[in-house]
C-alpha cells in the first residue's frame, strides 16, 4: 500500500491545557516500517524519536541551529541535523 503526502492516519484529542507535544506519543501506534515522520522543533525529544524509530519509521526533525541531537541507541538510524535556512 502506498500513502500520499498530507494523509491523516490517526488523531488524538484532549484538553488544550496539555499541549500537542503531550499527545504526540499516542500517535506512534499508527506508524510502521518505511514511513517518514516529519517533526517540528518542538517535537525534537529523544524519547519520542526513539519510539518512532522502534516502529521502523524514519524520522526527520527540524531543530534550532546550534542544537546537537543524540544518536539513537538500539537502532542503526540516527538523528542528523539538517540546515534548512530557518530558525
PDB file of N, CA and C in Angstrom:
ATOM      1  N   UNK A   1       0.840  -1.166   0.000  1.00  0.00           N
ATOM      2  CA  UNK A   1       0.000   0.000   0.000  1.00  0.00           C
ATOM      3  C   UNK A   1       0.888   1.232   0.000  1.00  0.00           C
ATOM      4  N   UNK A   2       0.515   2.223  -0.731  1.00  0.00           N
ATOM      5  CA  UNK A   2       1.272   3.460  -0.817  1.00  0.00           C
ATOM      6  C   UNK A   2       0.466   4.605  -0.214  1.00  0.00           C
ATOM      7  N   UNK A   3       1.135   5.430   0.592  1.00  0.00           N
ATOM      8  CA  UNK A   3       0.483   6.585   1.213  1.00  0.00           C
ATOM      9  C   UNK A   3       0.936   7.849   0.516  1.00  0.00           C
ATOM     10  N   UNK A   4       0.042   8.787   0.383  1.00  0.00           N
ATOM     11  CA  UNK A   4       0.394  10.079  -0.177  1.00  0.00           C
ATOM     12  C   UNK A   4       0.835  11.036   0.903  1.00  0.00           C
ATOM     13  N   UNK A   5       1.220  12.235   0.513  1.00  0.00           N
ATOM     14  CA  UNK A   5       1.579  13.245   1.496  1.00  0.00           C
ATOM     15  C   UNK A   5       0.326  13.851   2.089  1.00  0.00           C
ATOM     16  N   UNK A   6       0.460  14.357   3.278  1.00  0.00           N
ATOM     17  CA  UNK A   6      -0.639  15.022   3.990  1.00  0.00           C
ATOM     18  C   UNK A   6      -1.843  14.112   4.195  1.00  0.00           C
ATOM     19  N   UNK A   7      -1.586  12.864   4.458  1.00  0.00           N
ATOM     20  CA  UNK A   7      -2.645  11.905   4.734  1.00  0.00           C
ATOM     21  C   UNK A   7      -2.851  11.809   6.243  1.00  0.00           C
ATOM     22  N   UNK A   8      -4.083  11.847   6.686  1.00  0.00           N
ATOM     23  CA  UNK A   8      -4.360  11.686   8.114  1.00  0.00           C
ATOM     24  C   UNK A   8      -4.448  10.196   8.414  1.00  0.00           C
ATOM     25  N   UNK A   9      -3.565   9.723   9.292  1.00  0.00           N
ATOM     26  CA  UNK A   9      -3.509   8.315   9.653  1.00  0.00           C
ATOM     27  C   UNK A   9      -4.137   8.043  11.007  1.00  0.00           C
ATOM     28  N   UNK A  10      -4.079   9.025  11.880  1.00  0.00           N
ATOM     29  CA  UNK A  10      -4.542   8.852  13.250  1.00  0.00           C
ATOM     30  C   UNK A  10      -4.753  10.236  13.843  1.00  0.00           C
ATOM     31  N   UNK A  11      -5.504  10.313  14.902  1.00  0.00           N
ATOM     32  CA  UNK A  11      -5.716  11.584  15.596  1.00  0.00           C
ATOM     33  C   UNK A  11      -5.966  11.306  17.073  1.00  0.00           C
ATOM     34  N   UNK A  12      -5.548  12.220  17.912  1.00  0.00           N
ATOM     35  CA  UNK A  12      -5.841  12.152  19.341  1.00  0.00           C
ATOM     36  C   UNK A  12      -6.367  13.521  19.762  1.00  0.00           C
ATOM     37  N   UNK A  13      -7.211  13.506  20.764  1.00  0.00           N
ATOM     38  CA  UNK A  13      -7.823  14.737  21.238  1.00  0.00           C
ATOM     39  C   UNK A  13      -7.767  14.799  22.751  1.00  0.00           C
ATOM     40  N   UNK A  14      -7.835  15.981  23.277  1.00  0.00           N
ATOM     41  CA  UNK A  14      -7.862  16.170  24.718  1.00  0.00           C
ATOM     42  C   UNK A  14      -7.864  17.643  25.038  1.00  0.00           C
ATOM     43  N   UNK A  15      -7.786  17.966  26.320  1.00  0.00           N
ATOM     44  CA  UNK A  15      -7.799  19.363  26.742  1.00  0.00           C
ATOM     45  C   UNK A  15      -6.612  20.140  26.167  1.00  0.00           C
ATOM     46  N   UNK A  16      -6.838  21.385  25.802  1.00  0.00           N
ATOM     47  CA  UNK A  16      -5.766  22.205  25.237  1.00  0.00           C
ATOM     48  C   UNK A  16      -4.708  22.582  26.263  1.00  0.00           C
ATOM     49  N   UNK A  17      -5.008  22.442  27.535  1.00  0.00           N
ATOM     50  CA  UNK A  17      -4.014  22.766  28.562  1.00  0.00           C
ATOM     51  C   UNK A  17      -2.822  21.812  28.518  1.00  0.00           C
ATOM     52  N   UNK A  18      -2.995  20.611  27.956  1.00  0.00           N
ATOM     53  CA  UNK A  18      -1.905  19.640  27.862  1.00  0.00           C
ATOM     54  C   UNK A  18      -0.933  19.957  26.739  1.00  0.00           C
ATOM     55  N   UNK A  19      -1.368  20.530  25.663  1.00  0.00           N
ATOM     56  CA  UNK A  19      -0.495  20.861  24.543  1.00  0.00           C
ATOM     57  C   UNK A  19      -0.256  19.682  23.615  1.00  0.00           C
ATOM     58  N   UNK A  20       0.075  20.003  22.372  1.00  0.00           N
ATOM     59  CA  UNK A  20       0.203  18.973  21.345  1.00  0.00           C
ATOM     60  C   UNK A  20       1.369  18.025  21.567  1.00  0.00           C
ATOM     61  N   UNK A  21       2.448  18.487  22.206  1.00  0.00           N
ATOM     62  CA  UNK A  21       3.589  17.592  22.419  1.00  0.00           C
ATOM     63  C   UNK A  21       3.259  16.483  23.421  1.00  0.00           C
ATOM     64  N   UNK A  22       2.286  16.691  24.282  1.00  0.00           N
ATOM     65  CA  UNK A  22       1.898  15.630  25.218  1.00  0.00           C
ATOM     66  C   UNK A  22       1.048  14.562  24.540  1.00  0.00           C
ATOM     67  N   UNK A  23       0.437  14.892  23.420  1.00  0.00           N
ATOM     68  CA  UNK A  23      -0.393  13.923  22.690  1.00  0.00           C
ATOM     69  C   UNK A  23       0.381  13.143  21.624  1.00  0.00           C
ATOM     70  N   UNK A  24       1.498  13.688  21.160  1.00  0.00           N
ATOM     71  CA  UNK A  24       2.265  13.073  20.070  1.00  0.00           C
ATOM     72  C   UNK A  24       2.648  11.614  20.319  1.00  0.00           C
ATOM     73  N   UNK A  25       3.110  11.221  21.514  1.00  0.00           N
ATOM     74  CA  UNK A  25       3.493   9.821  21.715  1.00  0.00           C
ATOM     75  C   UNK A  25       2.346   8.832  21.475  1.00  0.00           C
ATOM     76  N   UNK A  26       1.113   9.267  21.642  1.00  0.00           N
ATOM     77  CA  UNK A  26      -0.023   8.375  21.419  1.00  0.00           C
ATOM     78  C   UNK A  26      -0.244   8.072  19.933  1.00  0.00           C
ATOM     79  N   UNK A  27       0.353   8.861  19.049  1.00  0.00           N
ATOM     80  CA  UNK A  27       0.198   8.644  17.613  1.00  0.00           C
ATOM     81  C   UNK A  27       1.173   7.604  17.059  1.00  0.00           C
ATOM     82  N   UNK A  28       2.175   7.255  17.849  1.00  0.00           N
ATOM     83  CA  UNK A  28       3.192   6.287  17.409  1.00  0.00           C
ATOM     84  C   UNK A  28       2.547   4.944  17.062  1.00  0.00           C
ATOM     85  N   UNK A  29       1.444   4.629  17.682  1.00  0.00           N
ATOM     86  CA  UNK A  29       0.750   3.354  17.445  1.00  0.00           C
ATOM     87  C   UNK A  29       0.386   3.125  15.977  1.00  0.00           C
ATOM     88  N   UNK A  30       0.298   4.178  15.183  1.00  0.00           N
ATOM     89  CA  UNK A  30      -0.114   4.052  13.788  1.00  0.00           C
ATOM     90  C   UNK A  30       1.042   4.046  12.800  1.00  0.00           C
ATOM     91  N   UNK A  31       2.266   4.095  13.291  1.00  0.00           N
ATOM     92  CA  UNK A  31       3.431   4.126  12.404  1.00  0.00           C
ATOM     93  C   UNK A  31       3.922   2.726  12.098  1.00  0.00           C
ATOM     94  N   UNK A  32       4.559   2.572  10.931  1.00  0.00           N
ATOM     95  CA  UNK A  32       5.133   1.286  10.566  1.00  0.00           C
ATOM     96  C   UNK A  32       6.355   1.493   9.680  1.00  0.00           C
ATOM     97  N   UNK A  33       7.038   0.417   9.422  1.00  0.00           N
ATOM     98  CA  UNK A  33       8.275   0.438   8.639  1.00  0.00           C
ATOM     99  C   UNK A  33       8.061   1.104   7.287  1.00  0.00           C
ATOM    100  N   UNK A  34       9.028   1.932   6.914  1.00  0.00           N
ATOM    101  CA  UNK A  34       9.004   2.584   5.617  1.00  0.00           C
ATOM    102  C   UNK A  34       8.368   3.968   5.621  1.00  0.00           C
ATOM    103  N   UNK A  35       7.677   4.326   6.686  1.00  0.00           N
ATOM    104  CA  UNK A  35       7.075   5.656   6.763  1.00  0.00           C
ATOM    105  C   UNK A  35       8.146   6.695   7.082  1.00  0.00           C
ATOM    106  N   UNK A  36       7.900   7.926   6.695  1.00  0.00           N
ATOM    107  CA  UNK A  36       8.766   9.041   7.049  1.00  0.00           C
ATOM    108  C   UNK A  36       7.943   9.976   7.926  1.00  0.00           C
ATOM    109  N   UNK A  37       8.476  10.279   9.099  1.00  0.00           N
ATOM    110  CA  UNK A  37       7.790  11.151  10.050  1.00  0.00           C
ATOM    111  C   UNK A  37       8.561  12.459  10.134  1.00  0.00           C
ATOM    112  N   UNK A  38       7.882  13.568   9.878  1.00  0.00           N
ATOM    113  CA  UNK A  38       8.486  14.884   9.954  1.00  0.00           C
ATOM    114  C   UNK A  38       8.085  15.524  11.273  1.00  0.00           C
ATOM    115  N   UNK A  39       9.079  15.917  12.067  1.00  0.00           N
ATOM    116  CA  UNK A  39       8.821  16.538  13.366  1.00  0.00           C
ATOM    117  C   UNK A  39       9.333  17.967  13.369  1.00  0.00           C
ATOM    118  N   UNK A  40       8.523  18.886  13.857  1.00  0.00           N
ATOM    119  CA  UNK A  40       8.956  20.265  14.008  1.00  0.00           C
ATOM    120  C   UNK A  40       9.807  20.390  15.265  1.00  0.00           C
ATOM    121  N   UNK A  41      10.463  21.520  15.449  1.00  0.00           N
ATOM    122  CA  UNK A  41      11.444  21.675  16.529  1.00  0.00           C
ATOM    123  C   UNK A  41      10.890  21.464  17.933  1.00  0.00           C
ATOM    124  N   UNK A  42       9.617  21.708  18.170  1.00  0.00           N
ATOM    125  CA  UNK A  42       9.047  21.465  19.498  1.00  0.00           C
ATOM    126  C   UNK A  42       8.929  19.976  19.816  1.00  0.00           C
ATOM    127  N   UNK A  43       9.040  19.135  18.807  1.00  0.00           N
ATOM    128  CA  UNK A  43       8.917  17.691  18.984  1.00  0.00           C
ATOM    129  C   UNK A  43      10.268  16.987  18.969  1.00  0.00           C
ATOM    130  N   UNK A  44      11.362  17.734  18.988  1.00  0.00           N
ATOM    131  CA  UNK A  44      12.710  17.156  18.949  1.00  0.00           C
ATOM    132  C   UNK A  44      13.086  16.639  20.334  1.00  0.00           C
ATOM    133  N   UNK A  45      12.439  15.568  20.728  1.00  0.00           N
ATOM    134  CA  UNK A  45      12.635  14.953  22.039  1.00  0.00           C
ATOM    135  C   UNK A  45      13.149  13.537  21.811  1.00  0.00           C
ATOM    136  N   UNK A  46      14.218  13.164  22.489  1.00  0.00           N
ATOM    137  CA  UNK A  46      14.832  11.865  22.255  1.00  0.00           C
ATOM    138  C   UNK A  46      13.864  10.707  22.477  1.00  0.00           C
ATOM    139  N   UNK A  47      13.073  10.745  23.541  1.00  0.00           N
ATOM    140  CA  UNK A  47      12.162   9.633  23.828  1.00  0.00           C
ATOM    141  C   UNK A  47      11.150   9.438  22.702  1.00  0.00           C
ATOM    142  N   UNK A  48      10.638  10.517  22.148  1.00  0.00           N
ATOM    143  CA  UNK A  48       9.677  10.417  21.042  1.00  0.00           C
ATOM    144  C   UNK A  48      10.358   9.872  19.786  1.00  0.00           C
ATOM    145  N   UNK A  49      11.542  10.382  19.470  1.00  0.00           N
ATOM    146  CA  UNK A  49      12.272   9.906  18.292  1.00  0.00           C
ATOM    147  C   UNK A  49      12.612   8.425  18.415  1.00  0.00           C
ATOM    148  N   UNK A  50      12.997   7.986  19.611  1.00  0.00           N
ATOM    149  CA  UNK A  50      13.306   6.570  19.812  1.00  0.00           C
ATOM    150  C   UNK A  50      12.067   5.693  19.628  1.00  0.00           C
ATOM    151  N   UNK A  51      10.938   6.129  20.148  1.00  0.00           N
ATOM    152  CA  UNK A  51       9.725   5.314  19.999  1.00  0.00           C
ATOM    153  C   UNK A  51       9.288   5.247  18.537  1.00  0.00           C
ATOM    154  N   UNK A  52       9.507   6.311  17.790  1.00  0.00           N
ATOM    155  CA  UNK A  52       9.167   6.302  16.363  1.00  0.00           C
ATOM    156  C   UNK A  52      10.078   5.345  15.608  1.00  0.00           C
ATOM    157  N   UNK A  53      11.385   5.397  15.859  1.00  0.00           N
ATOM    158  CA  UNK A  53      12.307   4.528  15.123  1.00  0.00           C
ATOM    159  C   UNK A  53      12.107   3.054  15.468  1.00  0.00           C
ATOM    160  N   UNK A  54      11.629   2.754  16.668  1.00  0.00           N
ATOM    161  CA  UNK A  54      11.346   1.355  17.013  1.00  0.00           C
ATOM    162  C   UNK A  54      10.233   0.769  16.151  1.00  0.00           C
ATOM    163  N   UNK A  55       9.405   1.604  15.558  1.00  0.00           N
ATOM    164  CA  UNK A  55       8.348   1.118  14.671  1.00  0.00           C
ATOM    165  C   UNK A  55       8.890   0.784  13.285  1.00  0.00           C
ATOM    166  N   UNK A  56      10.116   1.221  12.993  1.00  0.00           N
ATOM    167  CA  UNK A  56      10.696   1.038  11.665  1.00  0.00           C
ATOM    168  C   UNK A  56      10.520   2.259  10.781  1.00  0.00           C
ATOM    169  N   UNK A  57       9.805   3.267  11.285  1.00  0.00           N
ATOM    170  CA  UNK A  57       9.631   4.505  10.519  1.00  0.00           C
ATOM    171  C   UNK A  57      10.910   5.337  10.590  1.00  0.00           C
ATOM    172  N   UNK A  58      11.103   6.191   9.614  1.00  0.00           N
ATOM    173  CA  UNK A  58      12.244   7.107   9.571  1.00  0.00           C
ATOM    174  C   UNK A  58      11.804   8.449  10.146  1.00  0.00           C
ATOM    175  N   UNK A  59      12.736   9.148  10.785  1.00  0.00           N
ATOM    176  CA  UNK A  59      12.414  10.418  11.434  1.00  0.00           C
ATOM    177  C   UNK A  59      13.269  11.533  10.853  1.00  0.00           C
ATOM    178  N   UNK A  60      12.631  12.639  10.507  1.00  0.00           N
ATOM    179  CA  UNK A  60      13.324  13.851  10.100  1.00  0.00           C
ATOM    180  C   UNK A  60      12.838  14.949  11.038  1.00  0.00           C
ATOM    181  N   UNK A  61      13.799  15.568  11.766  1.00  0.00           N
ATOM    182  CA  UNK A  61      13.453  16.556  12.788  1.00  0.00           C
ATOM    183  C   UNK A  61      14.055  17.907  12.433  1.00  0.00           C
ATOM    184  N   UNK A  62      13.234  18.944  12.493  1.00  0.00           N
ATOM    185  CA  UNK A  62      13.736  20.316  12.319  1.00  0.00           C
ATOM    186  C   UNK A  62      14.098  20.827  13.706  1.00  0.00           C
ATOM    187  N   UNK A  63      15.330  21.324  13.860  1.00  0.00           N
ATOM    188  CA  UNK A  63      15.783  21.801  15.167  1.00  0.00           C
ATOM    189  C   UNK A  63      16.434  23.168  15.023  1.00  0.00           C
ATOM    190  N   UNK A  64      16.648  23.814  16.153  1.00  0.00           N
ATOM    191  CA  UNK A  64      17.350  25.091  16.148  1.00  0.00           C
ATOM    192  C   UNK A  64      18.786  24.875  15.707  1.00  0.00           C
ATOM    193  N   UNK A  65      19.381  25.899  15.167  1.00  0.00           N
ATOM    194  CA  UNK A  65      20.678  25.810  14.504  1.00  0.00           C
ATOM    195  C   UNK A  65      21.795  25.174  15.332  1.00  0.00           C
ATOM    196  N   UNK A  66      21.917  25.485  16.588  1.00  0.00           N
ATOM    197  CA  UNK A  66      23.058  25.007  17.371  1.00  0.00           C
ATOM    198  C   UNK A  66      22.730  23.819  18.269  1.00  0.00           C
ATOM    199  N   UNK A  67      21.599  23.221  18.084  1.00  0.00           N
ATOM    200  CA  UNK A  67      21.224  22.076  18.926  1.00  0.00           C
ATOM    201  C   UNK A  67      21.901  20.816  18.414  1.00  0.00           C
ATOM    202  N   UNK A  68      22.454  20.050  19.324  1.00  0.00           N
ATOM    203  CA  UNK A  68      23.070  18.770  18.964  1.00  0.00           C
ATOM    204  C   UNK A  68      22.090  17.668  19.320  1.00  0.00           C
ATOM    205  N   UNK A  69      21.849  16.798  18.378  1.00  0.00           N
ATOM    206  CA  UNK A  69      20.924  15.698  18.601  1.00  0.00           C
ATOM    207  C   UNK A  69      21.681  14.433  18.957  1.00  0.00           C
ATOM    208  N   UNK A  70      21.102  13.609  19.804  1.00  0.00           N
ATOM    209  CA  UNK A  70      21.781  12.366  20.189  1.00  0.00           C
ATOM    210  C   UNK A  70      21.666  11.299  19.107  1.00  0.00           C
ATOM    211  N   UNK A  71      22.601  10.384  19.104  1.00  0.00           N
ATOM    212  CA  UNK A  71      22.495   9.196  18.267  1.00  0.00           C
ATOM    213  C   UNK A  71      21.524   8.264  18.983  1.00  0.00           C
ATOM    214  N   UNK A  72      20.583   7.722  18.251  1.00  0.00           N
ATOM    215  CA  UNK A  72      19.590   6.853  18.876  1.00  0.00           C
ATOM    216  C   UNK A  72      20.204   5.514  19.233  1.00  0.00           C
ATOM    217  N   UNK A  73      20.037   5.103  20.455  1.00  0.00           N
ATOM    218  CA  UNK A  73      20.547   3.817  20.895  1.00  0.00           C
ATOM    219  C   UNK A  73      19.638   2.696  20.425  1.00  0.00           C
ATOM    220  N   UNK A  74      20.191   1.483  20.324  1.00  0.00           N
ATOM    221  CA  UNK A  74      19.454   0.294  19.905  1.00  0.00           C
ATOM    222  C   UNK A  74      18.849   0.424  18.510  1.00  0.00           C
ATOM    223  N   UNK A  75      19.451   1.255  17.679  1.00  0.00           N
ATOM    224  CA  UNK A  75      18.931   1.433  16.331  1.00  0.00           C
ATOM    225  C   UNK A  75      20.068   1.878  15.419  1.00  0.00           C
ATOM    226  N   UNK A  76      20.094   1.383  14.192  1.00  0.00           N
ATOM    227  CA  UNK A  76      21.113   1.854  13.255  1.00  0.00           C
ATOM    228  C   UNK A  76      20.781   3.238  12.712  1.00  0.00           C
ATOM    229  N   UNK A  77      19.576   3.733  12.989  1.00  0.00           N
ATOM    230  CA  UNK A  77      19.182   5.048  12.482  1.00  0.00           C
ATOM    231  C   UNK A  77      19.752   6.139  13.371  1.00  0.00           C
ATOM    232  N   UNK A  78      19.933   7.304  12.802  1.00  0.00           N
ATOM    233  CA  UNK A  78      20.458   8.449  13.538  1.00  0.00           C
ATOM    234  C   UNK A  78      19.565   9.664  13.315  1.00  0.00           C
ATOM    235  N   UNK A  79      19.601  10.568  14.275  1.00  0.00           N
ATOM    236  CA  UNK A  79      19.013  11.881  14.075  1.00  0.00           C
ATOM    237  C   UNK A  79      20.142  12.758  13.549  1.00  0.00           C
ATOM    238  N   UNK A  80      19.960  13.342  12.382  1.00  0.00           N
ATOM    239  CA  UNK A  80      21.020  14.109  11.757  1.00  0.00           C
ATOM    240  C   UNK A  80      20.545  15.557  11.553  1.00  0.00           C
ATOM    241  N   UNK A  81      21.300  16.540  12.069  1.00  0.00           N
ATOM    242  CA  UNK A  81      20.903  17.930  11.869  1.00  0.00           C
ATOM    243  C   UNK A  81      20.978  18.296  10.385  1.00  0.00           C
ATOM    244  N   UNK A  82      19.972  18.995   9.902  1.00  0.00           N
ATOM    245  CA  UNK A  82      19.924  19.445   8.516  1.00  0.00           C
ATOM    246  C   UNK A  82      19.735  20.950   8.526  1.00  0.00           C
ATOM    247  N   UNK A  83      20.602  21.684   7.831  1.00  0.00           N
ATOM    248  CA  UNK A  83      20.468  23.126   7.741  1.00  0.00           C
ATOM    249  C   UNK A  83      19.435  23.456   6.681  1.00  0.00           C
ATOM    250  N   UNK A  84      18.323  24.055   7.090  1.00  0.00           N
ATOM    251  CA  UNK A  84      17.259  24.385   6.155  1.00  0.00           C
ATOM    252  C   UNK A  84      17.123  25.881   5.937  1.00  0.00           C
ATOM    253  N   UNK A  85      17.921  26.676   6.654  1.00  0.00           N
ATOM    254  CA  UNK A  85      17.858  28.117   6.470  1.00  0.00           C
ATOM    255  C   UNK A  85      16.817  28.805   7.330  1.00  0.00           C
ATOM    256  N   UNK A  86      16.043  28.055   8.130  1.00  0.00           N
ATOM    257  CA  UNK A  86      15.065  28.701   9.003  1.00  0.00           C
ATOM    258  C   UNK A  86      15.457  28.489  10.450  1.00  0.00           C
ATOM    259  N   UNK A  87      15.108  29.420  11.282  1.00  0.00           N
ATOM    260  CA  UNK A  87      15.459  29.339  12.699  1.00  0.00           C
ATOM    261  C   UNK A  87      14.246  29.463  13.541  1.00  0.00           C
TER     262      UNK A  87
END
